[in-house]
Amino acid sequence: MNRTIRRAGLVTLFLVLALLVRVTWVQMVQGDALADDEQNRRNMIQEYAQPFGDIIVGGRPVTGSQRSAHGGDMRYERTYTDGALYAPVTGFSSQVRGATQLEGIYQDVLNGSDDRLKSPLDLLTGDSAKPGDVLTTIDPKVQRAGFEALGGKKGAAVAVDPKSGELLGVVSTPSFDPSTISGSGKDDDAAWRKLTARDGNDKDDDKPTLNRALRQAVPPGSTFKLVVAAAALEDGLYSSVDEPTRSPDPYTLKGTSTPLENENKAAPCENASLRTALRYSCNNVFAKLATDLGAGKVRKQAEKFGFDDEKQDVPVRAATSNFPKKMDAAQTGLSGIGQFEVTATPLQMAMVSQAIANGGELVDPHMVSRVQDSSGHTLESFEDPDSHRVMSQDTASQLRSAMRTVVEKGTGSNAQIDGMTVGGKTGTAQHGVDNSGTPYAWFTSYAQNADGKQVAVAVVVEDSDAARAEVSGNGLAAPIGKKMMRAALG
C-alpha cells in the first residue's frame, strides 16, 4: 500500500475514533447537563409544544393556552383571564423571559414534564405527559374587592384565613396583564419594554411587575406596635392591656436629648395603658416599651411572627421582613414604633393579625391547596400546614380586645362592619432621606362574623393623590381592609 495512503488512512481512523470518543463523552457525561441547559432551544420547543395545565382560582382556571400567533417552532403561548387581577398570584409564563411565581414554581407540572405525571412509557421515551393543574386558595371575591378598592393607588393587600393559613387575597397595584408578554413577537417585546421602563426617578416608577404584597418590605410604622405589645405581655413587663405604663409624654429617646412626640398632642398618652396606647397610637409608650424590654426580647417576639425569616415560602418566596440586628438604645426606641430599619411585607403584617386572631397560634400561610394531574389525582397537598405558637392564648385575647377598641373608639374607625367583630391597628410610616417620602399608610386587622368565621388582613398604600398631611392608615388603608374583610365573611 502506498505510504501516503496508509498514513491518510491512519489519520482518518484516528479522527473517527476521536469523534466516537467525543460523541460518547457528550452523550454519557454531558448529556443531562446539555439537555437541562436553559439555552437549549429544544427544551423551549418541547415546553410550548402542547397546551399548558391551568392555575385554578375558585374552581375556575385563570390561565389558558392558545396557538401562537407568531408562528415559529413554539406552537402554544399562555393566556390569562383577568390577568392584571391575578398577576400577583400567577406570575407570568413567557416564551422569551421564562416564568415567575406559581407559573415558575410549578412549571414542570403545568407543561407536562414533571416525572410524577408520566406513565412508564413516557419515562422510557422521555416524552411529556398531559399537564397537571395548580389549585389555589385565593377567593375571587376577596381578590377583586382588594384590587378594586386599591384602584389606581400604588400599594398592596393580603387576606388570610387565621385558622387554616389559606391566603384568600394577594393584591398588588399597579398590576399588568401577563398575556401581553407571553409570546415572542414584536408586540410582546414592546409591552415588556413599557412594563420595565424607568424614568430615573425611582419614587415615580410604578414597577407593575413587582409583587408588592409578597416581594417588597417597607417600614410598617405603628402597625408594628402590636408586636411590641405582645412582647411586653409575654415578658410580664405588664400583665394586662389595661395596666398603666410608666411612660412620660413626650418620651426622650435614651442616650439623646431628642423628645419623641405623638401625632395627636391632645391624646392621653402619659402613662397610658396598652389599650389606650394602641387606641391613640402613642409613640411615647411603645418607644419606651421597646427600650425597657431591650432589642433582644423584641426581636425574639418579632421572629416568632416571621420577621427575619429568609425562607418564607407561600410557596412564592416572600421578601424578608427585617428587625435590625444592631441598634443602640435610641434606635431600639424608634424600632418600637416601626421605624429606624424595621421593614415588613403586607404578608408579614397580615401574619401578625392572623396569629392574634387565632389564639396565638400561627398557621403557615399558603396560596396553593393542591397540585394535581390531568385526571384530578393529587400530586401534592398543602391542606394540613404546619403551625407554631407565637404567644399565649391570654396574650392573644387581650390584644384582640385592644384591637377592637382601636376600631370601635380609636384610629381605626373606618374599618367598622355592622354585625361583625373587627379589631385593627393603623400605621403611618415615614421613609426617605430625612423622611421626605410620602408616608406609607398601613392597616392590619382581623374580623369575625356571627358564625365564628375569621379573616385577617393587611393593607399598605405606598403612594396616593392625598396631600402628605392627609395620609393616614385610617383614611387610606382601613377602607380597603374593610372591603376585603366584608367580601371574605359577608
Protein backbone atom coordinates (compact mmCIF):
# COMPACT_ATOMS: atom_id res chain seq x y z
CA MET A 1 0.00 0.00 0.00
CA ASN A 2 1.22 3.46 -0.84
CA ARG A 3 2.77 5.02 2.25
CA THR A 4 0.81 8.24 1.75
CA ILE A 5 -2.48 6.36 1.52
CA ARG A 6 -1.61 4.34 4.62
CA ARG A 7 -0.85 7.49 6.62
CA ALA A 8 -4.03 9.15 5.41
CA GLY A 9 -5.99 6.06 6.44
CA LEU A 10 -4.44 6.06 9.92
CA VAL A 11 -5.18 9.75 10.37
CA THR A 12 -8.76 9.21 9.22
CA LEU A 13 -9.15 6.26 11.60
CA PHE A 14 -7.77 8.36 14.44
CA LEU A 15 -10.23 11.15 13.68
CA VAL A 16 -13.13 8.69 13.56
CA LEU A 17 -12.08 7.22 16.90
CA ALA A 18 -11.71 10.71 18.38
CA LEU A 19 -15.17 11.62 17.10
CA LEU A 20 -16.64 8.44 18.62
CA VAL A 21 -14.96 9.18 21.96
CA ARG A 22 -16.28 12.75 21.86
CA VAL A 23 -19.81 11.68 20.98
CA THR A 24 -19.76 9.07 23.73
CA TRP A 25 -18.47 11.65 26.23
CA VAL A 26 -21.18 14.16 25.28
CA GLN A 27 -23.94 11.55 25.47
CA MET A 28 -22.83 9.73 28.62
CA VAL A 29 -21.24 12.51 30.69
CA GLN A 30 -22.57 15.84 29.43
CA GLY A 31 -25.94 14.68 28.12
CA ASP A 32 -28.04 15.62 31.14
CA ALA A 33 -26.34 18.98 31.57
CA LEU A 34 -26.85 19.87 27.91
CA ALA A 35 -30.44 18.69 27.97
CA ASP A 36 -31.16 20.81 31.03
CA ASP A 37 -29.29 23.90 29.80
CA GLU A 38 -31.64 26.89 29.66
CA GLN A 39 -30.05 27.86 26.32
CA ASN A 40 -31.14 24.54 24.77
CA ARG A 41 -33.90 25.63 22.40
CA ARG A 42 -35.24 22.09 22.15
CA ASN A 43 -36.42 22.41 25.75
CA MET A 44 -38.37 25.55 24.86
CA ILE A 45 -39.84 23.88 21.76
CA GLN A 46 -40.95 20.88 23.84
CA GLU A 47 -42.33 23.08 26.63
CA TYR A 48 -44.55 25.05 24.26
CA ALA A 49 -45.49 22.09 22.05
CA GLN A 50 -48.86 21.48 23.74
CA PRO A 51 -51.43 23.42 25.78
CA PHE A 52 -50.45 24.02 29.40
CA GLY A 53 -52.19 22.94 32.55
CA ASP A 54 -54.02 25.63 34.49
CA ILE A 55 -53.85 27.66 37.67
CA ILE A 56 -57.26 27.43 39.33
CA VAL A 57 -58.96 30.14 41.41
CA GLY A 58 -62.34 29.48 42.99
CA GLY A 59 -62.82 26.33 40.93
CA ARG A 60 -62.16 28.08 37.59
CA PRO A 61 -58.96 28.41 35.55
CA VAL A 62 -57.48 31.90 35.34
CA THR A 63 -54.92 30.73 32.79
CA GLY A 64 -55.24 29.14 29.36
CA SER A 65 -53.34 28.37 26.15
CA GLN A 66 -53.70 29.41 22.55
CA ARG A 67 -51.90 28.74 19.28
CA SER A 68 -49.01 31.13 18.93
CA ALA A 69 -49.86 33.96 16.57
CA HIS A 70 -46.18 34.40 15.68
CA GLY A 71 -45.63 31.04 14.01
CA GLY A 72 -42.23 29.50 14.54
CA ASP A 73 -41.44 26.28 16.36
CA MET A 74 -43.14 27.15 19.68
CA ARG A 75 -46.74 26.22 18.97
CA TYR A 76 -48.58 27.49 22.08
CA GLU A 77 -48.44 30.53 24.31
CA ARG A 78 -50.01 31.37 27.66
CA THR A 79 -53.25 33.31 28.06
CA TYR A 80 -54.74 34.85 31.20
CA THR A 81 -58.27 35.64 32.34
CA ASP A 82 -58.39 38.85 34.40
CA GLY A 83 -54.62 38.91 34.04
CA ALA A 84 -53.99 42.11 36.00
CA LEU A 85 -56.23 40.95 38.84
CA TYR A 86 -54.39 37.65 39.33
CA ALA A 87 -50.84 38.54 38.22
CA PRO A 88 -49.61 38.72 41.86
CA VAL A 89 -50.74 35.09 42.20
CA THR A 90 -49.93 33.51 38.84
CA GLY A 91 -46.85 35.49 37.81
CA PHE A 92 -46.16 35.14 34.08
CA SER A 93 -45.04 32.48 31.61
CA SER A 94 -43.21 33.92 28.62
CA GLN A 95 -41.63 32.24 25.60
CA VAL A 96 -38.79 34.76 25.88
CA ARG A 97 -38.46 35.66 29.56
CA GLY A 98 -39.24 32.42 31.35
CA ALA A 99 -41.76 32.04 34.16
CA THR A 100 -42.28 33.59 37.58
CA GLN A 101 -44.23 32.88 40.78
CA LEU A 102 -46.69 29.95 40.53
CA GLU A 103 -46.03 29.69 36.79
CA GLY A 104 -42.34 29.25 37.54
CA ILE A 105 -42.56 27.13 40.68
CA TYR A 106 -44.90 24.60 39.05
CA GLN A 107 -43.59 24.96 35.52
CA ASP A 108 -42.85 21.24 35.13
CA VAL A 109 -46.36 20.27 36.25
CA LEU A 110 -48.02 22.87 34.03
CA ASN A 111 -46.05 21.91 30.90
CA GLY A 112 -46.26 18.14 31.48
CA SER A 113 -42.57 17.42 32.03
CA ASP A 114 -42.85 16.51 35.73
CA ASP A 115 -41.99 12.81 36.14
CA ARG A 116 -44.94 12.35 38.53
CA LEU A 117 -47.28 12.92 35.56
CA LYS A 118 -45.67 10.34 33.30
CA SER A 119 -46.58 6.77 32.52
CA PRO A 120 -43.80 4.12 32.42
CA LEU A 121 -43.70 4.51 28.63
CA ASP A 122 -43.35 8.31 28.92
CA LEU A 123 -40.44 7.83 31.33
CA LEU A 124 -38.78 5.44 28.90
CA THR A 125 -39.20 7.66 25.83
CA GLY A 126 -38.72 10.99 27.59
CA ASP A 127 -42.00 12.33 26.20
CA SER A 128 -44.08 14.89 28.08
CA ALA A 129 -47.32 13.76 29.69
CA LYS A 130 -50.65 15.55 29.88
CA PRO A 131 -50.08 18.66 32.01
CA GLY A 132 -51.38 18.97 35.57
CA ASP A 133 -53.12 21.83 37.36
CA VAL A 134 -52.40 24.03 40.41
CA LEU A 135 -55.35 24.75 42.72
CA THR A 136 -55.02 27.95 44.71
CA THR A 137 -56.65 29.07 47.98
CA ILE A 138 -57.49 32.51 46.57
CA ASP A 139 -61.10 33.67 47.00
CA PRO A 140 -62.15 35.56 43.84
CA LYS A 141 -64.47 37.88 45.82
CA VAL A 142 -61.72 38.88 48.25
CA GLN A 143 -59.14 39.31 45.48
CA ARG A 144 -61.43 41.55 43.43
CA ALA A 145 -62.54 43.57 46.45
CA GLY A 146 -58.93 44.44 47.31
CA PHE A 147 -57.97 45.13 43.69
CA GLU A 148 -60.89 47.45 43.04
CA ALA A 149 -60.52 49.22 46.40
CA LEU A 150 -56.83 49.95 45.76
CA GLY A 151 -57.78 51.21 42.31
CA GLY A 152 -55.12 53.50 40.89
CA LYS A 153 -53.15 53.72 44.13
CA LYS A 154 -49.71 52.18 44.46
CA GLY A 155 -50.00 49.56 47.18
CA ALA A 156 -50.81 46.01 48.21
CA ALA A 157 -53.11 43.92 50.36
CA VAL A 158 -53.13 40.39 51.77
CA ALA A 159 -56.03 38.47 53.33
CA VAL A 160 -55.58 35.17 55.17
CA ASP A 161 -57.81 32.68 56.98
CA PRO A 162 -56.34 32.61 60.51
CA LYS A 163 -57.31 29.01 61.25
CA SER A 164 -56.22 27.35 58.01
CA GLY A 165 -53.45 29.71 56.85
CA GLU A 166 -55.07 29.89 53.41
CA LEU A 167 -54.29 33.12 51.57
CA LEU A 168 -57.62 34.44 50.33
CA GLY A 169 -56.30 37.53 48.59
CA VAL A 170 -52.87 38.63 47.32
CA VAL A 171 -53.25 42.02 45.65
CA SER A 172 -50.61 44.36 44.21
CA THR A 173 -51.21 47.58 42.30
CA PRO A 174 -50.47 48.86 39.76
CA SER A 175 -50.56 45.49 38.03
CA PHE A 176 -50.17 44.19 34.48
CA ASP A 177 -51.67 41.64 32.11
CA PRO A 178 -49.22 38.72 31.67
CA SER A 179 -50.89 37.87 28.33
CA THR A 180 -49.17 40.88 26.76
CA ILE A 181 -45.70 39.38 27.27
CA SER A 182 -46.34 35.64 26.94
CA GLY A 183 -45.33 35.34 23.27
CA SER A 184 -42.22 36.17 21.27
CA GLY A 185 -43.49 38.77 18.82
CA LYS A 186 -42.75 42.45 18.47
CA ASP A 187 -45.85 43.41 20.42
CA ASP A 188 -44.72 41.29 23.38
CA ASP A 189 -41.27 42.88 23.29
CA ALA A 190 -42.76 46.38 23.19
CA ALA A 191 -45.07 45.54 26.11
CA TRP A 192 -42.11 44.29 28.17
CA ARG A 193 -40.11 47.45 27.48
CA LYS A 194 -43.06 49.54 28.61
CA LEU A 195 -43.54 47.49 31.78
CA THR A 196 -39.89 47.75 32.76
CA ALA A 197 -39.27 51.36 31.66
CA ARG A 198 -37.60 53.57 34.24
CA ASP A 199 -37.53 57.35 34.20
CA GLY A 200 -34.53 57.67 36.51
CA ASN A 201 -36.63 58.86 39.46
CA ASP A 202 -37.24 55.71 41.46
CA LYS A 203 -40.08 57.07 43.56
CA ASP A 204 -42.08 57.79 40.39
CA ASP A 205 -41.58 54.32 38.89
CA ASP A 206 -44.73 52.21 39.13
CA LYS A 207 -42.92 48.85 38.76
CA PRO A 208 -46.10 46.94 37.80
CA THR A 209 -44.27 43.60 37.65
CA LEU A 210 -43.21 43.95 41.32
CA ASN A 211 -45.36 41.87 43.67
CA ARG A 212 -45.72 44.41 46.47
CA ALA A 213 -47.84 42.04 48.57
CA LEU A 214 -45.06 39.45 48.92
CA ARG A 215 -41.86 40.83 47.47
CA GLN A 216 -41.47 44.34 48.91
CA ALA A 217 -40.75 45.07 52.57
CA VAL A 218 -41.25 48.66 53.74
CA PRO A 219 -41.41 50.41 57.14
CA PRO A 220 -44.56 49.15 58.92
CA GLY A 221 -44.96 52.20 61.15
CA SER A 222 -47.37 51.90 64.05
CA THR A 223 -48.75 48.51 62.99
CA PHE A 224 -45.52 47.12 64.49
CA LYS A 225 -46.73 48.29 67.91
CA LEU A 226 -48.78 45.08 68.06
CA VAL A 227 -45.53 43.09 68.06
CA VAL A 228 -44.09 45.25 70.86
CA ALA A 229 -47.31 44.95 72.89
CA ALA A 230 -47.16 41.15 72.51
CA ALA A 231 -43.53 41.15 73.69
CA ALA A 232 -44.39 43.26 76.75
CA LEU A 233 -47.26 40.97 77.77
CA GLU A 234 -45.34 37.75 77.10
CA ASP A 235 -42.34 39.03 79.05
CA GLY A 236 -44.51 40.04 82.01
CA LEU A 237 -43.38 43.66 81.85
CA TYR A 238 -47.09 44.40 82.06
CA SER A 239 -49.72 41.82 82.98
CA SER A 240 -52.71 43.44 81.33
CA VAL A 241 -53.53 45.75 78.44
CA ASP A 242 -55.37 47.89 81.00
CA GLU A 243 -52.46 48.34 83.40
CA PRO A 244 -50.95 51.85 83.29
CA THR A 245 -47.46 52.01 81.85
CA ARG A 246 -44.58 54.12 83.12
CA SER A 247 -44.38 56.36 80.06
CA PRO A 248 -43.65 60.10 80.18
CA ASP A 249 -45.08 62.24 77.38
CA PRO A 250 -43.07 63.22 75.46
CA TYR A 251 -40.51 60.45 75.84
CA THR A 252 -36.87 61.36 75.35
CA LEU A 253 -35.04 58.67 73.42
CA LYS A 254 -32.48 57.07 75.70
CA GLY A 255 -28.95 58.43 75.34
CA THR A 256 -30.18 61.51 73.47
CA SER A 257 -31.84 64.83 74.10
CA THR A 258 -34.41 64.14 71.36
CA PRO A 259 -38.03 64.07 72.53
CA LEU A 260 -40.35 61.69 70.67
CA GLU A 261 -43.64 63.45 70.04
CA ASN A 262 -47.08 61.96 69.47
CA GLU A 263 -49.06 62.77 66.35
CA ASN A 264 -52.08 63.69 68.47
CA LYS A 265 -50.78 66.14 71.06
CA ALA A 266 -54.07 66.04 72.97
CA ALA A 267 -54.15 62.23 73.28
CA PRO A 268 -53.95 60.87 76.86
CA CYS A 269 -50.62 59.13 76.26
CA GLU A 270 -48.79 59.86 79.53
CA ASN A 271 -48.56 56.58 81.47
CA ALA A 272 -51.24 55.21 79.15
CA SER A 273 -52.26 51.56 79.27
CA LEU A 274 -51.51 49.37 76.26
CA ARG A 275 -55.18 49.56 75.27
CA THR A 276 -55.14 53.35 75.32
CA ALA A 277 -51.73 53.49 73.68
CA LEU A 278 -52.93 51.32 70.80
CA ARG A 279 -56.18 53.29 70.55
CA TYR A 280 -54.36 56.61 70.17
CA SER A 281 -51.16 55.13 68.70
CA CYS A 282 -48.96 56.65 71.42
CA ASN A 283 -45.35 56.75 70.25
CA ASN A 284 -44.01 57.52 73.72
CA VAL A 285 -45.43 54.32 75.20
CA PHE A 286 -44.09 51.91 72.57
CA ALA A 287 -40.69 53.56 72.21
CA LYS A 288 -40.21 53.23 75.96
CA LEU A 289 -41.58 49.67 75.96
CA ALA A 290 -39.04 48.61 73.33
CA THR A 291 -36.23 50.33 75.24
CA ASP A 292 -37.25 48.75 78.57
CA LEU A 293 -37.57 45.28 77.01
CA GLY A 294 -34.37 45.62 75.02
CA ALA A 295 -33.80 44.81 71.37
CA GLY A 296 -33.24 41.10 72.07
CA LYS A 297 -36.68 40.47 73.56
CA VAL A 298 -38.48 42.49 70.89
CA ARG A 299 -36.55 40.63 68.19
CA LYS A 300 -37.42 37.26 69.73
CA GLN A 301 -41.11 38.12 69.60
CA ALA A 302 -40.85 39.55 66.08
CA GLU A 303 -39.14 36.41 64.83
CA LYS A 304 -41.96 34.27 66.23
CA PHE A 305 -44.31 36.22 63.96
CA GLY A 306 -41.99 35.57 60.99
CA PHE A 307 -39.61 38.53 60.90
CA ASP A 308 -36.05 37.76 59.74
CA ASP A 309 -37.20 34.54 58.06
CA GLU A 310 -35.23 34.38 54.81
CA LYS A 311 -37.14 31.31 53.57
CA GLN A 312 -40.75 32.36 53.94
CA ASP A 313 -42.41 30.43 51.11
CA VAL A 314 -46.14 30.56 50.34
CA PRO A 315 -44.88 28.86 48.04
CA VAL A 316 -43.63 32.05 46.32
CA ARG A 317 -40.57 33.20 48.27
CA ALA A 318 -41.53 36.33 50.22
CA ALA A 319 -39.09 39.15 50.82
CA THR A 320 -37.54 39.07 54.30
CA SER A 321 -39.24 41.29 56.83
CA ASN A 322 -36.47 42.80 58.90
CA PHE A 323 -35.95 43.61 62.57
CA PRO A 324 -32.49 45.20 62.88
CA LYS A 325 -29.67 43.19 64.41
CA LYS A 326 -27.52 46.08 65.69
CA MET A 327 -29.09 49.06 67.44
CA ASP A 328 -28.28 51.44 70.25
CA ALA A 329 -30.90 52.35 72.86
CA ALA A 330 -32.32 55.28 70.87
CA GLN A 331 -32.60 53.20 67.73
CA THR A 332 -34.30 50.44 69.73
CA GLY A 333 -36.85 53.03 70.84
CA LEU A 334 -37.51 54.03 67.25
CA SER A 335 -37.86 50.37 66.25
CA GLY A 336 -40.67 50.11 68.82
CA ILE A 337 -42.82 52.37 66.66
CA GLY A 338 -41.95 50.52 63.44
CA GLN A 339 -39.30 52.99 62.29
CA PHE A 340 -35.47 53.01 62.10
CA GLU A 341 -34.64 49.95 59.94
CA VAL A 342 -37.73 47.83 60.66
CA THR A 343 -39.38 46.64 57.45
CA ALA A 344 -42.31 44.34 56.71
CA THR A 345 -44.26 42.98 53.78
CA PRO A 346 -48.07 43.12 53.77
CA LEU A 347 -47.92 39.33 54.10
CA GLN A 348 -45.93 39.69 57.32
CA MET A 349 -48.30 42.21 58.90
CA ALA A 350 -51.27 40.01 57.94
CA MET A 351 -49.50 37.19 59.79
CA VAL A 352 -49.32 39.36 62.92
CA SER A 353 -53.10 39.83 62.93
CA GLN A 354 -53.55 36.19 61.87
CA ALA A 355 -51.75 34.87 64.96
CA ILE A 356 -53.60 37.25 67.29
CA ALA A 357 -56.97 36.24 65.82
CA ASN A 358 -56.13 32.52 66.08
CA GLY A 359 -55.46 32.48 69.81
CA GLY A 360 -51.70 32.97 69.47
CA GLU A 361 -51.16 30.06 67.03
CA LEU A 362 -49.66 30.96 63.64
CA VAL A 363 -50.59 28.56 60.85
CA ASP A 364 -48.19 28.69 57.91
CA PRO A 365 -49.76 30.93 55.24
CA HIS A 366 -50.03 29.40 51.76
CA MET A 367 -51.84 30.11 48.49
CA VAL A 368 -51.79 26.61 46.93
CA SER A 369 -54.10 23.93 48.28
CA ARG A 370 -53.31 21.09 45.87
CA VAL A 371 -51.30 20.18 42.79
CA GLN A 372 -52.96 17.51 40.64
CA ASP A 373 -52.51 15.55 37.42
CA SER A 374 -54.82 15.75 34.41
CA SER A 375 -57.15 13.14 35.96
CA GLY A 376 -57.52 15.07 39.20
CA HIS A 377 -55.26 12.82 41.27
CA THR A 378 -53.31 14.68 43.94
CA LEU A 379 -49.56 15.09 43.46
CA GLU A 380 -49.05 17.45 46.38
CA SER A 381 -51.38 18.67 49.12
CA PHE A 382 -50.95 21.68 51.39
CA GLU A 383 -54.23 21.28 53.23
CA ASP A 384 -52.55 20.37 56.54
CA PRO A 385 -49.91 23.10 57.06
CA ASP A 386 -47.52 23.40 59.98
CA SER A 387 -48.14 25.84 62.82
CA HIS A 388 -46.37 27.18 65.88
CA ARG A 389 -47.28 29.16 68.98
CA VAL A 390 -46.41 32.83 68.86
CA MET A 391 -47.92 33.90 72.20
CA SER A 392 -50.19 32.58 74.93
CA GLN A 393 -53.93 32.45 74.42
CA ASP A 394 -54.33 35.05 77.16
CA THR A 395 -51.98 37.50 75.40
CA ALA A 396 -53.80 36.96 72.11
CA SER A 397 -57.17 37.50 73.78
CA GLN A 398 -56.03 40.75 75.38
CA LEU A 399 -54.62 42.04 72.10
CA ARG A 400 -57.83 41.18 70.24
CA SER A 401 -59.73 43.19 72.82
CA ALA A 402 -57.37 46.15 72.49
CA MET A 403 -57.57 45.99 68.68
CA ARG A 404 -61.37 46.11 68.90
CA THR A 405 -61.04 49.32 70.91
CA VAL A 406 -58.89 50.78 68.10
CA VAL A 407 -61.69 50.16 65.59
CA GLU A 408 -64.66 50.96 67.83
CA LYS A 409 -63.27 54.05 69.57
CA GLY A 410 -59.88 54.88 68.10
CA THR A 411 -57.85 55.46 64.95
CA GLY A 412 -59.33 52.52 63.00
CA SER A 413 -62.97 53.62 62.91
CA ASN A 414 -63.22 53.33 59.10
CA ALA A 415 -62.97 49.53 59.39
CA GLN A 416 -66.19 49.07 61.35
CA ILE A 417 -68.56 46.49 59.81
CA ASP A 418 -72.13 46.10 61.02
CA GLY A 419 -72.79 42.69 62.52
CA MET A 420 -69.11 41.72 62.74
CA THR A 421 -66.42 41.91 65.37
CA VAL A 422 -63.48 43.87 63.96
CA GLY A 423 -60.14 44.70 65.51
CA GLY A 424 -57.23 46.51 63.91
CA LYS A 425 -54.23 48.79 64.07
CA THR A 426 -53.41 51.72 61.83
CA GLY A 427 -49.97 52.96 60.88
CA THR A 428 -48.33 55.84 59.07
CA ALA A 429 -44.68 55.13 58.29
CA GLN A 430 -42.15 57.81 57.45
CA HIS A 431 -39.41 56.99 54.95
CA GLY A 432 -36.90 58.51 52.57
CA VAL A 433 -33.99 60.88 53.23
CA ASP A 434 -34.96 62.99 56.26
CA ASN A 435 -38.44 61.40 55.99
CA SER A 436 -39.00 63.27 52.73
CA GLY A 437 -41.03 60.49 51.06
CA THR A 438 -44.81 60.37 51.09
CA PRO A 439 -45.66 58.30 54.20
CA TYR A 440 -46.89 54.74 53.82
CA ALA A 441 -50.46 54.28 55.06
CA TRP A 442 -50.93 50.92 56.82
CA PHE A 443 -53.79 48.95 58.32
CA THR A 444 -53.73 45.43 59.76
CA SER A 445 -56.81 43.80 61.21
CA TYR A 446 -58.97 40.78 61.88
CA ALA A 447 -62.73 40.28 61.63
CA GLN A 448 -65.16 37.61 62.80
CA ASN A 449 -68.77 37.14 61.71
CA ALA A 450 -71.72 35.75 63.67
CA ASP A 451 -70.86 32.20 62.56
CA GLY A 452 -67.35 32.45 64.02
CA LYS A 453 -65.61 32.59 60.64
CA GLN A 454 -62.50 34.79 60.67
CA VAL A 455 -60.21 36.64 58.33
CA ALA A 456 -57.02 38.67 58.86
CA VAL A 457 -55.96 41.45 56.51
CA ALA A 458 -53.04 43.82 55.98
CA VAL A 459 -53.05 46.77 53.59
CA VAL A 460 -50.37 49.27 52.64
CA VAL A 461 -50.91 52.29 50.42
CA GLU A 462 -47.48 53.24 49.19
CA ASP A 463 -48.45 56.34 47.26
CA SER A 464 -51.64 58.25 46.66
CA ASP A 465 -53.01 61.56 45.49
CA ALA A 466 -53.66 62.65 49.06
CA ALA A 467 -51.69 65.55 50.50
CA ARG A 468 -48.89 64.47 52.84
CA ALA A 469 -50.75 65.80 55.89
CA GLU A 470 -53.83 63.75 54.91
CA VAL A 471 -52.04 60.39 54.61
CA SER A 472 -53.27 58.07 57.35
CA GLY A 473 -53.88 54.39 57.85
CA ASN A 474 -57.50 55.04 58.81
CA GLY A 475 -58.19 57.32 55.88
CA LEU A 476 -56.49 55.35 53.08
CA ALA A 477 -55.83 51.74 54.13
CA ALA A 478 -58.64 50.86 56.56
CA PRO A 479 -61.47 51.23 53.97
CA ILE A 480 -59.62 48.79 51.70
CA GLY A 481 -59.22 46.29 54.52
CA LYS A 482 -62.91 46.70 55.37
CA LYS A 483 -63.98 45.78 51.83
CA MET A 484 -61.78 42.69 51.80
CA MET A 485 -63.00 41.54 55.22
CA ARG A 486 -66.61 42.03 54.20
CA ALA A 487 -66.02 40.07 50.97
CA ALA A 488 -64.46 37.20 52.95
CA LEU A 489 -67.13 36.99 55.65
CA GLY A 490 -70.23 38.58 54.17
